[in-house]
Amino acid sequence: MSKISEKPLVSTKQEVQLVEGEFTCSEASFVINELINEKINFHKLQRLRLCEGDENSDTRYANKRIAELENEKLIAKSYIDKARKEGYDVFIDGVLEIRFVKK
């Protein structure tokens, strides 16, 4: 049986390149909507978990984030529609930054 050695953490920050490249307007719209929809679904699940067993739970944060993200989808749609009308492709550079935060 092999032991997994515990290595000390070298860094408290990681960056993940989620999306990078030039996309047609349709592709960009799809990618952006999928990413935002995943985050919306995350908040909907969090809200549901809060309400399980306590329908009076405070879901204001989740509700606020869902509304903000829905608004961001509308802004992105408008932006991409403009690119489409003017004959542009869309470049997306989506870096996810992960950091440690002390409790």
PDB file of N, CA and C in Angstrom:
ATOM      1  N   MET A   1       0.842  -1.170   0.000  1.00  0.00           N
ATOM      2  CA  MET A   1       0.000   0.000   0.000  1.00  0.00           C
ATOM      3  C   MET A   1       0.892   1.238   0.000  1.00  0.00           C
ATOM      4  N   SER A   2       0.631   2.133  -0.927  1.00  0.00           N
ATOM      5  CA  SER A   2       1.463   3.327  -1.015  1.00  0.00           C
ATOM      6  C   SER A   2       0.829   4.464  -0.226  1.00  0.00           C
ATOM      7  N   LYS A   3       1.690   5.228   0.396  1.00  0.00           N
ATOM      8  CA  LYS A   3       1.239   6.398   1.142  1.00  0.00           C
ATOM      9  C   LYS A   3       1.315   7.619   0.247  1.00  0.00           C
ATOM     10  N   ILE A   4       0.327   8.458   0.368  1.00  0.00           N
ATOM     11  CA  ILE A   4       0.354   9.724  -0.350  1.00  0.00           C
ATOM     12  C   ILE A   4       1.028  10.723   0.580  1.00  0.00           C
ATOM     13  N   SER A   5       2.147  11.239   0.135  1.00  0.00           N
ATOM     14  CA  SER A   5       2.851  12.192   0.990  1.00  0.00           C
ATOM     15  C   SER A   5       2.150  13.543   0.935  1.00  0.00           C
ATOM     16  N   GLU A   6       2.048  14.154   2.083  1.00  0.00           N
ATOM     17  CA  GLU A   6       1.445  15.472   2.147  1.00  0.00           C
ATOM     18  C   GLU A   6       2.526  16.502   1.877  1.00  0.00           C
ATOM     19  N   LYS A   7       2.376  17.207   0.783  1.00  0.00           N
ATOM     20  CA  LYS A   7       3.338  18.232   0.411  1.00  0.00           C
ATOM     21  C   LYS A   7       2.832  19.580   0.876  1.00  0.00           C
ATOM     22  N   PRO A   8       3.734  20.404   1.376  1.00  0.00           N
ATOM     23  CA  PRO A   8       3.288  21.745   1.754  1.00  0.00           C
ATOM     24  C   PRO A   8       2.861  22.526   0.519  1.00  0.00           C
ATOM     25  N   LEU A   9       1.906  23.393   0.699  1.00  0.00           N
ATOM     26  CA  LEU A   9       1.443  24.206  -0.412  1.00  0.00           C
ATOM     27  C   LEU A   9       2.534  25.195  -0.814  1.00  0.00           C
ATOM     28  N   VAL A  10       2.796  25.241  -2.094  1.00  0.00           N
ATOM     29  CA  VAL A  10       3.820  26.139  -2.600  1.00  0.00           C
ATOM     30  C   VAL A  10       3.237  27.523  -2.835  1.00  0.00           C
ATOM     31  N   SER A  11       1.992  27.580  -3.269  1.00  0.00           N
ATOM     32  CA  SER A  11       1.373  28.855  -3.619  1.00  0.00           C
ATOM     33  C   SER A  11      -0.023  28.925  -3.032  1.00  0.00           C
ATOM     34  N   THR A  12      -0.446  30.128  -2.738  1.00  0.00           N
ATOM     35  CA  THR A  12      -1.817  30.310  -2.249  1.00  0.00           C
ATOM     36  C   THR A  12      -2.704  30.913  -3.329  1.00  0.00           C
ATOM     37  N   LYS A  13      -2.226  30.851  -4.558  1.00  0.00           N
ATOM     38  CA  LYS A  13      -2.989  31.407  -5.675  1.00  0.00           C
ATOM     39  C   LYS A  13      -2.810  30.513  -6.896  1.00  0.00           C
ATOM     40  N   GLN A  14      -3.875  30.317  -7.632  1.00  0.00           N
ATOM     41  CA  GLN A  14      -3.832  29.539  -8.869  1.00  0.00           C
ATOM     42  C   GLN A  14      -4.688  30.254  -9.895  1.00  0.00           C
ATOM     43  N   GLU A  15      -4.236  30.244 -11.121  1.00  0.00           N
ATOM     44  CA  GLU A  15      -5.030  30.789 -12.210  1.00  0.00           C
ATOM     45  C   GLU A  15      -5.321  29.676 -13.207  1.00  0.00           C
ATOM     46  N   VAL A  16      -6.564  29.616 -13.650  1.00  0.00           N
ATOM     47  CA  VAL A  16      -6.996  28.618 -14.624  1.00  0.00           C
ATOM     48  C   VAL A  16      -7.529  29.368 -15.842  1.00  0.00           C
ATOM     49  N   GLN A  17      -6.954  29.102 -16.984  1.00  0.00           N
ATOM     50  CA  GLN A  17      -7.420  29.730 -18.220  1.00  0.00           C
ATOM     51  C   GLN A  17      -8.630  28.936 -18.706  1.00  0.00           C
ATOM     52  N   LEU A  18      -9.821  29.422 -18.387  1.00  0.00           N
ATOM     53  CA  LEU A  18     -11.045  28.711 -18.762  1.00  0.00           C
ATOM     54  C   LEU A  18     -11.359  28.860 -20.246  1.00  0.00           C
ATOM     55  N   VAL A  19     -11.241  30.077 -20.732  1.00  0.00           N
ATOM     56  CA  VAL A  19     -11.580  30.366 -22.121  1.00  0.00           C
ATOM     57  C   VAL A  19     -10.561  31.356 -22.645  1.00  0.00           C
ATOM     58  N   GLU A  20     -10.080  31.105 -23.836  1.00  0.00           N
ATOM     59  CA  GLU A  20      -9.213  32.076 -24.487  1.00  0.00           C
ATOM     60  C   GLU A  20      -9.260  31.824 -25.980  1.00  0.00           C
ATOM     61  N   GLY A  21      -9.638  32.838 -26.697  1.00  0.00           N
ATOM     62  CA  GLY A  21      -9.631  32.701 -28.137  1.00  0.00           C
ATOM     63  C   GLY A  21     -10.657  33.564 -28.821  1.00  0.00           C
ATOM     64  N   GLU A  22     -10.596  33.519 -30.137  1.00  0.00           N
ATOM     65  CA  GLU A  22     -11.509  34.283 -30.971  1.00  0.00           C
ATOM     66  C   GLU A  22     -12.657  33.370 -31.379  1.00  0.00           C
ATOM     67  N   PHE A  23     -13.869  33.902 -31.259  1.00  0.00           N
ATOM     68  CA  PHE A  23     -15.069  33.128 -31.524  1.00  0.00           C
ATOM     69  C   PHE A  23     -15.982  33.899 -32.464  1.00  0.00           C
ATOM     70  N   THR A  24     -16.777  33.159 -33.231  1.00  0.00           N
ATOM     71  CA  THR A  24     -17.848  33.825 -33.966  1.00  0.00           C
ATOM     72  C   THR A  24     -18.826  34.357 -32.926  1.00  0.00           C
ATOM     73  N   CYS A  25     -19.695  35.238 -33.342  1.00  0.00           N
ATOM     74  CA  CYS A  25     -20.666  35.790 -32.405  1.00  0.00           C
ATOM     75  C   CYS A  25     -21.563  34.700 -31.816  1.00  0.00           C
ATOM     76  N   SER A  26     -21.944  33.750 -32.635  1.00  0.00           N
ATOM     77  CA  SER A  26     -22.785  32.651 -32.142  1.00  0.00           C
ATOM     78  C   SER A  26     -22.038  31.803 -31.122  1.00  0.00           C
ATOM     79  N   GLU A  27     -20.784  31.488 -31.415  1.00  0.00           N
ATOM     80  CA  GLU A  27     -19.978  30.698 -30.479  1.00  0.00           C
ATOM     81  C   GLU A  27     -19.765  31.456 -29.173  1.00  0.00           C
ATOM     82  N   ALA A  28     -19.436  32.739 -29.286  1.00  0.00           N
ATOM     83  CA  ALA A  28     -19.197  33.556 -28.093  1.00  0.00           C
ATOM     84  C   ALA A  28     -20.459  33.639 -27.237  1.00  0.00           C
ATOM     85  N   SER A  29     -21.588  33.827 -27.879  1.00  0.00           N
ATOM     86  CA  SER A  29     -22.853  33.891 -27.169  1.00  0.00           C
ATOM     87  C   SER A  29     -23.100  32.591 -26.409  1.00  0.00           C
ATOM     88  N   PHE A  30     -22.860  31.471 -27.062  1.00  0.00           N
ATOM     89  CA  PHE A  30     -23.054  30.166 -26.438  1.00  0.00           C
ATOM     90  C   PHE A  30     -22.130  30.001 -25.234  1.00  0.00           C
ATOM     91  N   VAL A  31     -20.850  30.277 -25.414  1.00  0.00           N
ATOM     92  CA  VAL A  31     -19.862  30.097 -24.338  1.00  0.00           C
ATOM     93  C   VAL A  31     -20.211  30.974 -23.143  1.00  0.00           C
ATOM     94  N   ILE A  32     -20.483  32.233 -23.394  1.00  0.00           N
ATOM     95  CA  ILE A  32     -20.787  33.172 -22.312  1.00  0.00           C
ATOM     96  C   ILE A  32     -22.063  32.779 -21.582  1.00  0.00           C
ATOM     97  N   ASN A  33     -23.101  32.434 -22.335  1.00  0.00           N
ATOM     98  CA  ASN A  33     -24.356  32.025 -21.704  1.00  0.00           C
ATOM     99  C   ASN A  33     -24.184  30.760 -20.867  1.00  0.00           C
ATOM    100  N   GLU A  34     -23.423  29.809 -21.369  1.00  0.00           N
ATOM    101  CA  GLU A  34     -23.207  28.572 -20.614  1.00  0.00           C
ATOM    102  C   GLU A  34     -22.469  28.838 -19.309  1.00  0.00           C
ATOM    103  N   LEU A  35     -21.436  29.670 -19.359  1.00  0.00           N
ATOM    104  CA  LEU A  35     -20.677  29.987 -18.143  1.00  0.00           C
ATOM    105  C   LEU A  35     -21.555  30.707 -17.127  1.00  0.00           C
ATOM    106  N   ILE A  36     -22.298  31.696 -17.582  1.00  0.00           N
ATOM    107  CA  ILE A  36     -23.162  32.451 -16.667  1.00  0.00           C
ATOM    108  C   ILE A  36     -24.291  31.571 -16.144  1.00  0.00           C
ATOM    109  N   ASN A  37     -24.869  30.744 -17.008  1.00  0.00           N
ATOM    110  CA  ASN A  37     -25.948  29.846 -16.571  1.00  0.00           C
ATOM    111  C   ASN A  37     -25.470  28.867 -15.500  1.00  0.00           C
ATOM    112  N   GLU A  38     -24.245  28.391 -15.618  1.00  0.00           N
ATOM    113  CA  GLU A  38     -23.710  27.481 -14.598  1.00  0.00           C
ATOM    114  C   GLU A  38     -23.628  28.179 -13.250  1.00  0.00           C
ATOM    115  N   LYS A  39     -23.194  29.425 -13.256  1.00  0.00           N
ATOM    116  CA  LYS A  39     -23.101  30.179 -12.007  1.00  0.00           C
ATOM    117  C   LYS A  39     -24.495  30.478 -11.454  1.00  0.00           C
ATOM    118  N   ILE A  40     -25.439  30.783 -12.320  1.00  0.00           N
ATOM    119  CA  ILE A  40     -26.824  30.994 -11.877  1.00  0.00           C
ATOM    120  C   ILE A  40     -27.366  29.724 -11.238  1.00  0.00           C
ATOM    121  N   ASN A  41     -27.141  28.594 -11.877  1.00  0.00           N
ATOM    122  CA  ASN A  41     -27.606  27.317 -11.327  1.00  0.00           C
ATOM    123  C   ASN A  41     -26.973  27.029  -9.973  1.00  0.00           C
ATOM    124  N   PHE A  42     -25.695  27.381  -9.809  1.00  0.00           N
ATOM    125  CA  PHE A  42     -25.023  27.217  -8.523  1.00  0.00           C
ATOM    126  C   PHE A  42     -25.777  27.988  -7.442  1.00  0.00           C
ATOM    127  N   HIS A  43     -26.098  29.237  -7.724  1.00  0.00           N
ATOM    128  CA  HIS A  43     -26.792  30.059  -6.730  1.00  0.00           C
ATOM    129  C   HIS A  43     -28.217  29.559  -6.480  1.00  0.00           C
ATOM    130  N   LYS A  44     -28.865  29.038  -7.499  1.00  0.00           N
ATOM    131  CA  LYS A  44     -30.205  28.470  -7.303  1.00  0.00           C
ATOM    132  C   LYS A  44     -30.142  27.252  -6.392  1.00  0.00           C
ATOM    133  N   LEU A  45     -29.121  26.429  -6.573  1.00  0.00           N
ATOM    134  CA  LEU A  45     -28.958  25.257  -5.699  1.00  0.00           C
ATOM    135  C   LEU A  45     -28.635  25.685  -4.266  1.00  0.00           C
ATOM    136  N   GLN A  46     -27.786  26.693  -4.126  1.00  0.00           N
ATOM    137  CA  GLN A  46     -27.467  27.209  -2.790  1.00  0.00           C
ATOM    138  C   GLN A  46     -28.736  27.714  -2.108  1.00  0.00           C
ATOM    139  N   ARG A  47     -29.551  28.427  -2.859  1.00  0.00           N
ATOM    140  CA  ARG A  47     -30.805  28.960  -2.327  1.00  0.00           C
ATOM    141  C   ARG A  47     -31.733  27.826  -1.895  1.00  0.00           C
ATOM    142  N   LEU A  48     -31.814  26.799  -2.726  1.00  0.00           N
ATOM    143  CA  LEU A  48     -32.650  25.642  -2.400  1.00  0.00           C
ATOM    144  C   LEU A  48     -32.157  24.947  -1.134  1.00  0.00           C
ATOM    145  N   ARG A  49     -30.847  24.786  -1.010  1.00  0.00           N
ATOM    146  CA  ARG A  49     -30.276  24.153   0.185  1.00  0.00           C
ATOM    147  C   ARG A  49     -30.597  24.961   1.436  1.00  0.00           C
ATOM    148  N   LEU A  50     -30.526  26.279   1.320  1.00  0.00           N
ATOM    149  CA  LEU A  50     -30.854  27.133   2.465  1.00  0.00           C
ATOM    150  C   LEU A  50     -32.302  26.959   2.900  1.00  0.00           C
ATOM    151  N   CYS A  51     -33.181  26.752   1.934  1.00  0.00           N
ATOM    152  CA  CYS A  51     -34.614  26.677   2.215  1.00  0.00           C
ATOM    153  C   CYS A  51     -35.068  25.297   2.683  1.00  0.00           C
ATOM    154  N   GLU A  52     -34.230  24.293   2.475  1.00  0.00           N
ATOM    155  CA  GLU A  52     -34.613  22.952   2.920  1.00  0.00           C
ATOM    156  C   GLU A  52     -34.814  22.955   4.426  1.00  0.00           C
ATOM    157  N   GLY A  53     -36.007  22.673   4.851  1.00  0.00           N
ATOM    158  CA  GLY A  53     -36.306  22.615   6.272  1.00  0.00           C
ATOM    159  C   GLY A  53     -36.566  23.964   6.907  1.00  0.00           C
ATOM    160  N   ASP A  54     -36.304  25.049   6.188  1.00  0.00           N
ATOM    161  CA  ASP A  54     -36.554  26.386   6.735  1.00  0.00           C
ATOM    162  C   ASP A  54     -36.917  27.325   5.591  1.00  0.00           C
ATOM    163  N   GLU A  55     -38.186  27.371   5.287  1.00  0.00           N
ATOM    164  CA  GLU A  55     -38.632  28.180   4.156  1.00  0.00           C
ATOM    165  C   GLU A  55     -38.445  29.672   4.379  1.00  0.00           C
ATOM    166  N   ASN A  56     -38.121  30.069   5.612  1.00  0.00           N
ATOM    167  CA  ASN A  56     -37.901  31.484   5.919  1.00  0.00           C
ATOM    168  C   ASN A  56     -36.419  31.852   5.924  1.00  0.00           C
ATOM    169  N   SER A  57     -35.584  31.012   5.359  1.00  0.00           N
ATOM    170  CA  SER A  57     -34.146  31.291   5.313  1.00  0.00           C
ATOM    171  C   SER A  57     -33.860  32.564   4.541  1.00  0.00           C
ATOM    172  N   ASP A  58     -32.743  33.177   4.877  1.00  0.00           N
ATOM    173  CA  ASP A  58     -32.324  34.411   4.213  1.00  0.00           C
ATOM    174  C   ASP A  58     -31.661  34.058   2.885  1.00  0.00           C
ATOM    175  N   THR A  59     -32.365  34.298   1.811  1.00  0.00           N
ATOM    176  CA  THR A  59     -31.843  33.987   0.475  1.00  0.00           C
ATOM    177  C   THR A  59     -31.555  35.256  -0.323  1.00  0.00           C
ATOM    178  N   ARG A  60     -31.441  36.377   0.376  1.00  0.00           N
ATOM    179  CA  ARG A  60     -31.233  37.648  -0.323  1.00  0.00           C
ATOM    180  C   ARG A  60     -29.961  37.653  -1.164  1.00  0.00           C
ATOM    181  N   TYR A  61     -28.862  37.114  -0.617  1.00  0.00           N
ATOM    182  CA  TYR A  61     -27.615  37.125  -1.380  1.00  0.00           C
ATOM    183  C   TYR A  61     -27.756  36.320  -2.672  1.00  0.00           C
ATOM    184  N   ALA A  62     -28.274  35.101  -2.570  1.00  0.00           N
ATOM    185  CA  ALA A  62     -28.451  34.264  -3.757  1.00  0.00           C
ATOM    186  C   ALA A  62     -29.386  34.939  -4.761  1.00  0.00           C
ATOM    187  N   ASN A  63     -30.474  35.494  -4.270  1.00  0.00           N
ATOM    188  CA  ASN A  63     -31.418  36.182  -5.157  1.00  0.00           C
ATOM    189  C   ASN A  63     -30.750  37.361  -5.864  1.00  0.00           C
ATOM    190  N   LYS A  64     -29.943  38.111  -5.111  1.00  0.00           N
ATOM    191  CA  LYS A  64     -29.249  39.262  -5.679  1.00  0.00           C
ATOM    192  C   LYS A  64     -28.259  38.823  -6.755  1.00  0.00           C
ATOM    193  N   ARG A  65     -27.492  37.781  -6.477  1.00  0.00           N
ATOM    194  CA  ARG A  65     -26.499  37.304  -7.441  1.00  0.00           C
ATOM    195  C   ARG A  65     -27.165  36.761  -8.700  1.00  0.00           C
ATOM    196  N   ILE A  66     -28.260  36.048  -8.542  1.00  0.00           N
ATOM    197  CA  ILE A  66     -28.989  35.526  -9.705  1.00  0.00           C
ATOM    198  C   ILE A  66     -29.463  36.687 -10.570  1.00  0.00           C
ATOM    199  N   ALA A  67     -30.027  37.709  -9.951  1.00  0.00           N
ATOM    200  CA  ALA A  67     -30.494  38.880 -10.710  1.00  0.00           C
ATOM    201  C   ALA A  67     -29.328  39.582 -11.400  1.00  0.00           C
ATOM    202  N   GLU A  68     -28.207  39.733 -10.704  1.00  0.00           N
ATOM    203  CA  GLU A  68     -27.028  40.369 -11.295  1.00  0.00           C
ATOM    204  C   GLU A  68     -26.520  39.586 -12.501  1.00  0.00           C
ATOM    205  N   LEU A  69     -26.472  38.276 -12.360  1.00  0.00           N
ATOM    206  CA  LEU A  69     -25.980  37.438 -13.451  1.00  0.00           C
ATOM    207  C   LEU A  69     -26.939  37.436 -14.637  1.00  0.00           C
ATOM    208  N   GLU A  70     -28.230  37.442 -14.366  1.00  0.00           N
ATOM    209  CA  GLU A  70     -29.211  37.537 -15.451  1.00  0.00           C
ATOM    210  C   GLU A  70     -29.023  38.851 -16.208  1.00  0.00           C
ATOM    211  N   ASN A  71     -28.746  39.922 -15.472  1.00  0.00           N
ATOM    212  CA  ASN A  71     -28.498  41.218 -16.093  1.00  0.00           C
ATOM    213  C   ASN A  71     -27.208  41.180 -16.920  1.00  0.00           C
ATOM    214  N   GLU A  72     -26.181  40.531 -16.412  1.00  0.00           N
ATOM    215  CA  GLU A  72     -24.925  40.404 -17.162  1.00  0.00           C
ATOM    216  C   GLU A  72     -25.137  39.646 -18.471  1.00  0.00           C
ATOM    217  N   LYS A  73     -26.028  38.657 -18.464  1.00  0.00           N
ATOM    218  CA  LYS A  73     -26.344  37.946 -19.704  1.00  0.00           C
ATOM    219  C   LYS A  73     -26.957  38.893 -20.726  1.00  0.00           C
ATOM    220  N   LEU A  74     -27.850  39.762 -20.272  1.00  0.00           N
ATOM    221  CA  LEU A  74     -28.470  40.730 -21.181  1.00  0.00           C
ATOM    222  C   LEU A  74     -27.437  41.705 -21.742  1.00  0.00           C
ATOM    223  N   ILE A  75     -26.533  42.162 -20.891  1.00  0.00           N
ATOM    224  CA  ILE A  75     -25.478  43.074 -21.338  1.00  0.00           C
ATOM    225  C   ILE A  75     -24.585  42.384 -22.366  1.00  0.00           C
ATOM    226  N   ALA A  76     -24.195  41.139 -22.088  1.00  0.00           N
ATOM    227  CA  ALA A  76     -23.349  40.383 -23.020  1.00  0.00           C
ATOM    228  C   ALA A  76     -24.071  40.178 -24.348  1.00  0.00           C
ATOM    229  N   LYS A  77     -25.371  39.880 -24.291  1.00  0.00           N
ATOM    230  CA  LYS A  77     -26.138  39.689 -25.522  1.00  0.00           C
ATOM    231  C   LYS A  77     -26.128  40.950 -26.365  1.00  0.00           C
ATOM    232  N   SER A  78     -26.338  42.082 -25.715  1.00  0.00           N
ATOM    233  CA  SER A  78     -26.336  43.360 -26.416  1.00  0.00           C
ATOM    234  C   SER A  78     -24.967  43.629 -27.045  1.00  0.00           C
ATOM    235  N   TYR A  79     -23.915  43.358 -26.302  1.00  0.00           N
ATOM    236  CA  TYR A  79     -22.548  43.556 -26.766  1.00  0.00           C
ATOM    237  C   TYR A  79     -22.256  42.680 -27.986  1.00  0.00           C
ATOM    238  N   ILE A  80     -22.652  41.427 -27.908  1.00  0.00           N
ATOM    239  CA  ILE A  80     -22.408  40.495 -29.017  1.00  0.00           C
ATOM    240  C   ILE A  80     -23.285  40.835 -30.217  1.00  0.00           C
ATOM    241  N   ASP A  81     -24.510  41.276 -29.971  1.00  0.00           N
ATOM    242  CA  ASP A  81     -25.377  41.711 -31.075  1.00  0.00           C
ATOM    243  C   ASP A  81     -24.734  42.860 -31.841  1.00  0.00           C
ATOM    244  N   LYS A  82     -24.120  43.776 -31.110  1.00  0.00           N
ATOM    245  CA  LYS A  82     -23.436  44.902 -31.753  1.00  0.00           C
ATOM    246  C   LYS A  82     -22.253  44.396 -32.591  1.00  0.00           C
ATOM    247  N   ALA A  83     -21.482  43.470 -32.039  1.00  0.00           N
ATOM    248  CA  ALA A  83     -20.359  42.897 -32.786  1.00  0.00           C
ATOM    249  C   ALA A  83     -20.861  42.215 -34.062  1.00  0.00           C
ATOM    250  N   ARG A  84     -21.964  41.495 -33.948  1.00  0.00           N
ATOM    251  CA  ARG A  84     -22.541  40.791 -35.097  1.00  0.00           C
ATOM    252  C   ARG A  84     -22.943  41.789 -36.183  1.00  0.00           C
ATOM    253  N   LYS A  85     -23.644  42.861 -35.791  1.00  0.00           N
ATOM    254  CA  LYS A  85     -24.105  43.869 -36.747  1.00  0.00           C
ATOM    255  C   LYS A  85     -22.951  44.578 -37.439  1.00  0.00           C
ATOM    256  N   GLU A  86     -21.834  44.744 -36.718  1.00  0.00           N
ATOM    257  CA  GLU A  86     -20.697  45.468 -37.272  1.00  0.00           C
ATOM    258  C   GLU A  86     -19.663  44.548 -37.928  1.00  0.00           C
ATOM    259  N   GLY A  87     -19.954  43.240 -37.956  1.00  0.00           N
ATOM    260  CA  GLY A  87     -19.090  42.300 -38.654  1.00  0.00           C
ATOM    261  C   GLY A  87     -17.848  41.860 -37.900  1.00  0.00           C
ATOM    262  N   TYR A  88     -17.905  41.865 -36.583  1.00  0.00           N
ATOM    263  CA  TYR A  88     -16.759  41.456 -35.774  1.00  0.00           C
ATOM    264  C   TYR A  88     -16.923  40.037 -35.244  1.00  0.00           C
ATOM    265  N   ASP A  89     -15.792  39.393 -34.973  1.00  0.00           N
ATOM    266  CA  ASP A  89     -15.760  38.212 -34.131  1.00  0.00           C
ATOM    267  C   ASP A  89     -15.544  38.713 -32.707  1.00  0.00           C
ATOM    268  N   VAL A  90     -15.570  37.816 -31.745  1.00  0.00           N
ATOM    269  CA  VAL A  90     -15.428  38.195 -30.343  1.00  0.00           C
ATOM    270  C   VAL A  90     -14.265  37.420 -29.739  1.00  0.00           C
ATOM    271  N   PHE A  91     -13.373  38.139 -29.075  1.00  0.00           N
ATOM    272  CA  PHE A  91     -12.274  37.494 -28.358  1.00  0.00           C
ATOM    273  C   PHE A  91     -12.652  37.413 -26.893  1.00  0.00           C
ATOM    274  N   ILE A  92     -12.533  36.222 -26.331  1.00  0.00           N
ATOM    275  CA  ILE A  92     -12.851  36.018 -24.919  1.00  0.00           C
ATOM    276  C   ILE A  92     -11.581  35.583 -24.204  1.00  0.00           C
ATOM    277  N   ASP A  93     -11.306  36.239 -23.098  1.00  0.00           N
ATOM    278  CA  ASP A  93     -10.183  35.876 -22.247  1.00  0.00           C
ATOM    279  C   ASP A  93     -10.739  35.692 -20.850  1.00  0.00           C
ATOM    280  N   GLY A  94     -10.980  34.461 -20.486  1.00  0.00           N
ATOM    281  CA  GLY A  94     -11.595  34.175 -19.191  1.00  0.00           C
ATOM    282  C   GLY A  94     -10.654  33.425 -18.285  1.00  0.00           C
ATOM    283  N   VAL A  95     -10.071  34.152 -17.343  1.00  0.00           N
ATOM    284  CA  VAL A  95      -9.158  33.550 -16.371  1.00  0.00           C
ATOM    285  C   VAL A  95      -9.878  33.436 -15.038  1.00  0.00           C
ATOM    286  N   LEU A  96      -9.824  32.254 -14.471  1.00  0.00           N
ATOM    287  CA  LEU A  96     -10.381  32.026 -13.137  1.00  0.00           C
ATOM    288  C   LEU A  96      -9.228  32.121 -12.162  1.00  0.00           C
ATOM    289  N   GLU A  97      -9.323  33.044 -11.224  1.00  0.00           N
ATOM    290  CA  GLU A  97      -8.285  33.204 -10.210  1.00  0.00           C
ATOM    291  C   GLU A  97      -8.772  32.586  -8.910  1.00  0.00           C
ATOM    292  N   ILE A  98      -7.968  31.698  -8.363  1.00  0.00           N
ATOM    293  CA  ILE A  98      -8.319  31.004  -7.115  1.00  0.00           C
ATOM    294  C   ILE A  98      -7.282  31.408  -6.071  1.00  0.00           C
ATOM    295  N   ARG A  99      -7.751  31.899  -4.916  1.00  0.00           N
ATOM    296  CA  ARG A  99      -6.840  32.315  -3.852  1.00  0.00           C
ATOM    297  C   ARG A  99      -7.323  31.769  -2.510  1.00  0.00           C
ATOM    298  N   PHE A 100      -6.403  31.628  -1.590  1.00  0.00           N
ATOM    299  CA  PHE A 100      -6.766  31.285  -0.225  1.00  0.00           C
ATOM    300  C   PHE A 100      -7.261  32.535   0.481  1.00  0.00           C
ATOM    301  N   VAL A 101      -8.289  32.375   1.291  1.00  0.00           N
ATOM    302  CA  VAL A 101      -8.798  33.472   2.106  1.00  0.00           C
ATOM    303  C   VAL A 101      -8.909  32.936   3.526  1.00  0.00           C
ATOM    304  N   LYS A 102      -8.265  33.588   4.443  1.00  0.00           N
ATOM    305  CA  LYS A 102      -8.280  33.163   5.838  1.00  0.00           C
ATOM    306  C   LYS A 102      -9.674  33.310   6.426  1.00  0.00           C
ATOM    307  N   LYS A 103     -10.123  32.288   7.146  1.00  0.00           N
ATOM    308  CA  LYS A 103     -11.445  32.310   7.794  1.00  0.00           C
ATOM    309  C   LYS A 103     -11.446  33.249   8.963  1.00  0.00           C
TER     310      LYS A 103
END
